[in-house]
Amino acid sequence: MEKVQKVEKNKPKVLKVLLYIFLGLIAAVGITAAGFPLYSSYLAGKEFPQKIDKVQASQPSGQKMLVVYQPSSNSSFSEEVAHKIAEGASEQGIDVTLMRPTADPSIDTASFDTIVFGTPWYLQPSKKLLEFMETLQNPSEKKIGLFITAGGQNEPSMFEPLEKALGIESAANKQVFGYKEYTADKALEFGRQIGEK
């Protein structure tokens, strides 16, 4: 009889502990849900030091391509995709210059026939890339390519902010590269496709 009374006396304590655990989980989920968009916004606005690379075609056609990409904050994925796209385009005879977006570019975008823009996706594209895209003069006179590196999303609407920044309705060449299904061949092929005459 004494055991039964002890169990009954402990019931309210157990229920209280379970309630605290449940409330703690709800609070953790709420903080995460509120913090993730803020963290995503921080990542999308992050600025990186300028870096310019060149990929020369072995048999130059006289065509020039500029690849402007925002690096990923926590991996080299976006940079790797940008370089593979450049490599694929160079196979088509195109000389490629790669750079990160900057408010004061040291490169004259008017001298390029094709411009490819790339960004990691943090619930939104890179703010620095969008700012750079808005400075481009007469984008409709250029061949434009767009790429996004993402974890799991692959929606056509992801390209809308990029197209809006350029003032174009829709880019003909656009591709999402997801981390899980990415292969270097896919990025090379995208570069070849953009590089075709």
Protein backbone atom coordinates (compact mmCIF):
# COMPACT_ATOMS: atom_id res chain seq x y z
CA MET A 1 0.00 0.00 0.00
CA GLU A 2 2.87 2.33 0.82
CA LYS A 3 4.42 1.76 -2.67
CA VAL A 4 1.19 2.76 -4.40
CA GLN A 5 1.06 5.99 -2.42
CA LYS A 6 4.70 6.83 -3.33
CA VAL A 7 4.00 6.27 -7.04
CA GLU A 8 0.92 8.50 -6.85
CA LYS A 9 2.89 11.21 -5.01
CA ASN A 10 5.63 11.10 -7.73
CA LYS A 11 3.10 11.39 -10.62
CA PRO A 12 2.79 15.19 -10.39
CA LYS A 13 6.60 15.55 -10.38
CA VAL A 14 6.96 13.36 -13.48
CA LEU A 15 4.19 15.26 -15.28
CA LYS A 16 5.84 18.54 -14.32
CA VAL A 17 9.22 17.39 -15.74
CA LEU A 18 7.57 16.19 -18.96
CA LEU A 19 5.76 19.52 -19.28
CA TYR A 20 9.06 21.42 -18.87
CA ILE A 21 10.73 19.22 -21.49
CA PHE A 22 7.82 19.77 -23.90
CA LEU A 23 7.87 23.56 -23.36
CA GLY A 24 11.66 23.58 -23.80
CA LEU A 25 11.34 21.79 -27.15
CA ILE A 26 8.70 24.25 -28.33
CA ALA A 27 10.93 27.17 -27.31
CA ALA A 28 13.93 25.65 -29.13
CA VAL A 29 11.89 25.16 -32.31
CA GLY A 30 10.58 28.73 -32.06
CA ILE A 31 14.04 30.22 -31.59
CA THR A 32 15.39 28.18 -34.51
CA ALA A 33 12.48 29.18 -36.76
CA ALA A 34 13.00 32.86 -35.92
CA GLY A 35 16.80 32.70 -36.12
CA PHE A 36 17.19 30.81 -39.40
CA PRO A 37 15.84 33.62 -41.63
CA LEU A 38 18.10 36.10 -39.83
CA TYR A 39 21.11 33.84 -40.30
CA SER A 40 20.16 33.29 -43.95
CA SER A 41 19.95 37.03 -44.45
CA TYR A 42 23.40 37.44 -42.87
CA LEU A 43 24.90 34.79 -45.19
CA ALA A 44 23.23 36.33 -48.27
CA GLY A 45 24.75 39.72 -47.40
CA LYS A 46 28.25 38.49 -46.65
CA GLU A 47 31.02 40.15 -48.63
CA PHE A 48 34.13 38.30 -49.79
CA PRO A 49 37.46 39.74 -50.93
CA GLN A 50 37.76 40.26 -54.66
CA LYS A 51 39.31 37.39 -56.58
CA ILE A 52 39.81 37.24 -60.33
CA ASP A 53 40.77 34.10 -62.26
CA LYS A 54 41.15 33.47 -65.99
CA VAL A 55 40.60 30.34 -68.05
CA GLN A 56 42.11 30.63 -71.54
CA ALA A 57 40.71 28.58 -74.40
CA SER A 58 43.25 26.38 -76.17
CA GLN A 59 41.75 27.37 -79.54
CA PRO A 60 40.28 30.86 -78.95
CA SER A 61 37.24 31.87 -80.99
CA GLY A 62 37.50 35.52 -80.01
CA GLN A 63 34.45 35.23 -77.71
CA LYS A 64 34.74 36.31 -74.08
CA MET A 65 32.71 35.23 -71.08
CA LEU A 66 32.54 36.71 -67.58
CA VAL A 67 31.45 34.48 -64.69
CA VAL A 68 30.42 36.52 -61.64
CA TYR A 69 29.76 34.26 -58.67
CA GLN A 70 29.23 34.64 -54.95
CA PRO A 71 31.16 31.99 -52.98
CA SER A 72 29.36 29.79 -50.49
CA SER A 73 29.96 30.82 -46.89
CA ASN A 74 30.65 27.36 -45.55
CA SER A 75 32.06 25.41 -48.51
CA SER A 76 33.83 25.78 -51.85
CA PHE A 77 30.81 24.41 -53.75
CA SER A 78 29.76 27.59 -55.60
CA GLU A 79 33.35 28.37 -56.53
CA GLU A 80 33.87 24.83 -57.85
CA VAL A 81 30.71 25.02 -59.97
CA ALA A 82 31.79 28.43 -61.38
CA HIS A 83 35.20 27.07 -62.38
CA LYS A 84 33.70 23.95 -64.01
CA ILE A 85 31.30 26.15 -66.01
CA ALA A 86 34.31 28.23 -67.13
CA GLU A 87 36.18 25.07 -68.08
CA GLY A 88 33.24 23.82 -70.16
CA ALA A 89 32.92 27.18 -71.96
CA SER A 90 36.68 27.26 -72.69
CA GLU A 91 36.27 23.92 -74.49
CA GLN A 92 34.05 25.85 -76.94
CA GLY A 93 36.87 28.34 -77.64
CA ILE A 94 35.75 31.00 -75.17
CA ASP A 95 38.19 32.91 -72.96
CA VAL A 96 36.64 33.14 -69.49
CA THR A 97 37.22 35.55 -66.63
CA LEU A 98 35.85 34.63 -63.20
CA MET A 99 35.27 37.17 -60.44
CA ARG A 100 33.34 37.77 -57.26
CA PRO A 101 30.73 40.54 -57.22
CA THR A 102 31.91 43.90 -56.01
CA ALA A 103 30.40 47.37 -55.98
CA ASP A 104 33.47 48.71 -57.81
CA PRO A 105 34.41 46.14 -60.47
CA SER A 106 37.85 46.46 -61.99
CA ILE A 107 36.58 44.72 -65.12
CA ASP A 108 34.60 46.40 -67.88
CA THR A 109 31.52 44.20 -68.34
CA ALA A 110 30.86 45.77 -71.76
CA SER A 111 33.82 43.85 -73.24
CA PHE A 112 32.19 40.44 -72.65
CA ASP A 113 29.83 38.67 -75.05
CA THR A 114 28.40 36.39 -72.36
CA ILE A 115 27.92 36.91 -68.63
CA VAL A 116 27.07 34.12 -66.20
CA PHE A 117 25.89 34.94 -62.68
CA GLY A 118 25.95 32.43 -59.83
CA THR A 119 24.88 32.41 -56.20
CA PRO A 120 24.40 30.03 -53.31
CA TRP A 121 20.79 29.89 -52.10
CA TYR A 122 20.12 30.88 -48.49
CA LEU A 123 16.33 31.22 -48.79
CA GLN A 124 17.38 34.09 -51.07
CA PRO A 125 20.23 34.88 -53.48
CA SER A 126 23.36 36.82 -52.58
CA LYS A 127 22.60 40.49 -51.97
CA LYS A 128 26.08 41.44 -53.23
CA LEU A 129 25.42 39.63 -56.52
CA LEU A 130 22.03 41.33 -56.95
CA GLU A 131 23.65 44.74 -56.35
CA PHE A 132 26.29 43.94 -58.98
CA MET A 133 23.68 42.72 -61.47
CA GLU A 134 21.72 45.95 -61.14
CA THR A 135 24.78 47.91 -62.34
CA LEU A 136 25.03 45.94 -65.60
CA GLN A 137 24.38 48.12 -68.65
CA ASN A 138 22.15 46.71 -71.44
CA PRO A 139 21.91 43.07 -70.26
CA SER A 140 19.52 42.27 -73.11
CA GLU A 141 22.46 42.74 -75.52
CA LYS A 142 24.43 39.96 -73.81
CA LYS A 143 24.06 36.23 -73.67
CA ILE A 144 23.11 35.61 -70.02
CA GLY A 145 23.48 32.49 -67.90
CA LEU A 146 22.34 31.97 -64.31
CA PHE A 147 23.19 29.27 -61.80
CA ILE A 148 22.24 28.63 -58.19
CA THR A 149 23.87 26.21 -55.76
CA ALA A 150 21.41 24.85 -53.21
CA GLY A 151 20.91 22.17 -50.61
CA GLY A 152 17.55 20.78 -51.55
CA GLN A 153 15.47 23.44 -53.27
CA ASN A 154 15.05 23.45 -57.02
CA GLU A 155 12.20 25.76 -57.96
CA PRO A 156 12.02 27.88 -61.13
CA SER A 157 10.92 30.82 -58.96
CA MET A 158 14.40 30.90 -57.39
CA PHE A 159 15.66 32.66 -60.54
CA GLU A 160 13.07 35.46 -60.39
CA PRO A 161 15.11 37.82 -58.14
CA LEU A 162 18.14 37.39 -60.43
CA GLU A 163 16.12 38.07 -63.58
CA LYS A 164 14.43 41.04 -61.91
CA ALA A 165 17.84 42.52 -60.95
CA LEU A 166 18.87 42.28 -64.62
CA GLY A 167 15.56 43.67 -65.85
CA ILE A 168 14.93 40.66 -68.09
CA GLU A 169 11.88 38.45 -68.28
CA SER A 170 13.66 35.09 -68.39
CA ALA A 171 17.22 33.90 -68.94
CA ALA A 172 17.54 31.15 -71.56
CA ASN A 173 20.37 29.38 -69.73
CA LYS A 174 19.77 28.65 -66.06
CA GLN A 175 20.56 25.74 -63.79
CA VAL A 176 20.27 24.78 -60.13
CA PHE A 177 23.13 22.63 -58.86
CA GLY A 178 22.08 20.70 -55.76
CA TYR A 179 24.72 19.44 -53.35
CA LYS A 180 23.43 15.88 -53.33
CA GLU A 181 23.10 15.23 -57.06
CA TYR A 182 25.97 17.45 -58.23
CA THR A 183 28.54 16.09 -60.65
CA ALA A 184 31.37 18.05 -62.27
CA ASP A 185 30.13 16.81 -65.68
CA LYS A 186 26.81 18.59 -65.13
CA ALA A 187 28.58 21.94 -64.59
CA LEU A 188 30.96 21.33 -67.52
CA GLU A 189 27.98 20.61 -69.78
CA PHE A 190 26.22 23.77 -68.63
CA GLY A 191 29.37 25.75 -69.52
CA ARG A 192 29.56 24.06 -72.95
CA GLN A 193 25.87 24.81 -73.55
CA ILE A 194 26.29 28.51 -72.74
CA GLY A 195 29.45 28.61 -74.85
CA GLU A 196 27.75 27.28 -77.98
CA LYS A 197 27.36 29.79 -80.81
